[in-house]
Amino acid sequence: MNLVFHCKHLKLTGEITVKEPIIPVTLIGKNGVQLNFTAILDSGSDLVLLPVEVAEALALDFDPSNPETARVYSGETITTAYSNVNIKIQKGREKVTARCQCSIQLEKQKQQEYIVFGSTFFEHFRVFFDYPRNKFEIKTP
């Protein structure tokens, strides 16, 4: 299976524009609950990172009474719990699925722009970034 996506362009300041590998995803929880989101592929992240509100809506199994501390790219620390989430990515008739370990950010956020797909997502797929051509591909092994 081979899914090809184009990078989204984000203008930072002046003439500086970056390319972001953003994909539409469906997260699947207990009892078949399915929620659609946008995710960013981040090979520098350890896990799939979900806001607690999403984990609760999906009825994922996690224990907030036994939290862990994690450090995000900015150096800040967040409080997390761990679980697993089923992920579906579909483009046209093609689709791929995976069950990934995830880290649930227990502090409620004012705004969460994207779900972050880290290394536990990459373990299931071969991902090829072709930034000069403004695209990336997700392939099953």
Protein backbone atom coordinates (compact mmCIF):
# COMPACT_ATOMS: atom_id res chain seq x y z
CA MET A 1 0.00 0.00 0.00
CA ASN A 2 1.37 3.41 -0.94
CA LEU A 3 -0.25 6.69 0.14
CA VAL A 4 1.18 9.91 -1.30
CA PHE A 5 0.51 13.29 0.32
CA HIS A 6 1.64 16.84 -0.37
CA CYS A 7 3.21 18.95 2.37
CA LYS A 8 1.29 21.88 3.79
CA HIS A 9 3.14 25.19 3.59
CA LEU A 10 3.34 27.30 6.73
CA LYS A 11 4.57 30.88 6.41
CA LEU A 12 6.55 31.77 9.54
CA THR A 13 7.77 35.31 8.92
CA GLY A 14 8.70 37.40 5.91
CA GLU A 15 10.13 35.06 3.32
CA ILE A 16 10.46 32.03 5.61
CA THR A 17 8.09 29.20 4.71
CA VAL A 18 8.31 25.63 6.05
CA LYS A 19 6.76 22.43 4.75
CA GLU A 20 4.76 20.32 7.18
CA PRO A 21 3.89 16.64 6.65
CA ILE A 22 0.21 16.80 7.65
CA ILE A 23 -2.31 13.99 7.07
CA PRO A 24 -6.00 13.40 7.76
CA VAL A 25 -6.46 10.47 10.15
CA THR A 26 -9.20 8.56 11.89
CA LEU A 27 -8.58 7.45 15.47
CA ILE A 28 -10.60 4.44 16.58
CA GLY A 29 -11.46 3.81 20.21
CA LYS A 30 -13.60 1.43 22.21
CA ASN A 31 -16.89 0.21 20.83
CA GLY A 32 -15.90 1.39 17.35
CA VAL A 33 -15.92 5.11 18.19
CA GLN A 34 -14.19 6.90 15.29
CA LEU A 35 -13.00 10.50 15.34
CA ASN A 36 -11.35 12.38 12.47
CA PHE A 37 -8.32 14.59 13.08
CA THR A 38 -5.31 16.08 11.39
CA ALA A 39 -1.93 14.68 12.39
CA ILE A 40 1.61 15.88 11.84
CA LEU A 41 4.37 13.33 11.26
CA ASP A 42 7.23 14.03 13.66
CA SER A 43 10.13 11.59 13.51
CA GLY A 44 11.70 13.38 16.50
CA SER A 45 8.81 12.48 18.81
CA ASP A 46 8.85 9.25 20.75
CA LEU A 47 5.15 8.38 20.71
CA VAL A 48 1.81 9.33 19.28
CA LEU A 49 0.73 12.29 21.45
CA LEU A 50 -2.98 12.78 22.16
CA PRO A 51 -4.78 15.40 24.25
CA VAL A 52 -6.67 13.94 27.22
CA GLU A 53 -9.96 15.16 25.72
CA VAL A 54 -9.40 12.96 22.67
CA ALA A 55 -8.42 9.93 24.77
CA GLU A 56 -11.56 10.38 26.87
CA ALA A 57 -13.80 10.75 23.80
CA LEU A 58 -12.30 7.52 22.39
CA ALA A 59 -12.67 5.78 25.80
CA LEU A 60 -9.01 4.68 25.71
CA ASP A 61 -7.69 2.72 28.69
CA PHE A 62 -5.27 4.88 30.68
CA ASP A 63 -4.59 5.58 34.34
CA PRO A 64 -4.37 9.30 35.15
CA SER A 65 -3.68 8.46 38.82
CA ASN A 66 -0.23 7.12 37.89
CA PRO A 67 1.19 9.95 35.71
CA GLU A 68 4.59 10.15 34.04
CA THR A 69 6.52 13.30 33.20
CA ALA A 70 7.64 13.87 29.62
CA ARG A 71 9.63 16.65 27.99
CA VAL A 72 8.43 18.28 24.78
CA TYR A 73 10.61 19.83 22.07
CA SER A 74 10.41 23.29 23.68
CA GLY A 75 11.95 21.90 26.87
CA GLU A 76 8.73 22.18 28.86
CA THR A 77 7.49 19.20 30.80
CA ILE A 78 4.02 17.71 30.51
CA THR A 79 2.18 15.11 32.53
CA THR A 80 1.21 11.99 30.59
CA ALA A 81 -0.33 8.55 30.84
CA TYR A 82 0.11 5.73 28.35
CA SER A 83 -2.33 3.74 26.25
CA ASN A 84 -2.81 2.35 22.75
CA VAL A 85 -4.86 3.77 19.89
CA ASN A 86 -5.99 2.36 16.56
CA ILE A 87 -5.19 4.61 13.61
CA LYS A 88 -6.64 4.58 10.10
CA ILE A 89 -5.27 6.65 7.23
CA GLN A 90 -7.25 6.65 4.02
CA LYS A 91 -6.77 8.34 0.67
CA GLY A 92 -9.25 7.41 -2.01
CA ARG A 93 -9.69 3.64 -1.97
CA GLU A 94 -6.34 3.03 -0.32
CA LYS A 95 -6.13 2.74 3.46
CA VAL A 96 -3.67 1.63 6.10
CA THR A 97 -4.25 0.87 9.76
CA ALA A 98 -2.04 0.43 12.81
CA ARG A 99 -2.31 0.05 16.57
CA CYS A 100 0.17 2.44 18.19
CA GLN A 101 1.31 3.16 21.70
CA CYS A 102 0.35 6.67 22.65
CA SER A 103 1.12 9.21 25.31
CA ILE A 104 -1.89 11.11 26.61
CA GLN A 105 -1.24 14.68 27.69
CA LEU A 106 -3.20 14.96 30.92
CA GLU A 107 -3.21 18.76 31.17
CA LYS A 108 -6.12 20.17 29.20
CA GLN A 109 -5.00 22.46 26.42
CA LYS A 110 -6.61 25.66 25.21
CA GLN A 111 -5.73 24.76 21.64
CA GLN A 112 -4.25 21.64 20.10
CA GLU A 113 -3.56 22.18 16.42
CA TYR A 114 -2.51 18.66 15.43
CA ILE A 115 -2.23 15.16 16.81
CA VAL A 116 1.49 14.26 16.80
CA PHE A 117 2.56 10.97 15.23
CA GLY A 118 5.97 9.96 16.58
CA SER A 119 8.15 6.85 16.43
CA THR A 120 5.44 4.39 17.53
CA PHE A 121 3.64 5.33 14.31
CA PHE A 122 6.81 5.06 12.20
CA GLU A 123 7.41 1.51 13.50
CA HIS A 124 4.48 0.33 11.34
CA PHE A 125 5.34 2.06 8.05
CA ARG A 126 8.09 3.14 5.74
CA VAL A 127 7.83 6.91 5.33
CA PHE A 128 9.68 8.75 2.56
CA PHE A 129 10.01 12.52 2.60
CA ASP A 130 10.63 14.23 -0.73
CA TYR A 131 10.65 17.90 0.27
CA PRO A 132 12.12 19.16 -3.04
CA ARG A 133 9.00 17.73 -4.74
CA ASN A 134 6.74 18.85 -1.87
CA LYS A 135 5.47 15.37 -1.03
CA PHE A 136 5.83 12.41 1.29
CA GLU A 137 4.78 8.79 1.06
CA ILE A 138 3.52 6.32 3.63
CA LYS A 139 4.11 2.69 2.62
CA THR A 140 3.36 -0.59 4.31
CA PRO A 141 6.44 -2.78 4.75
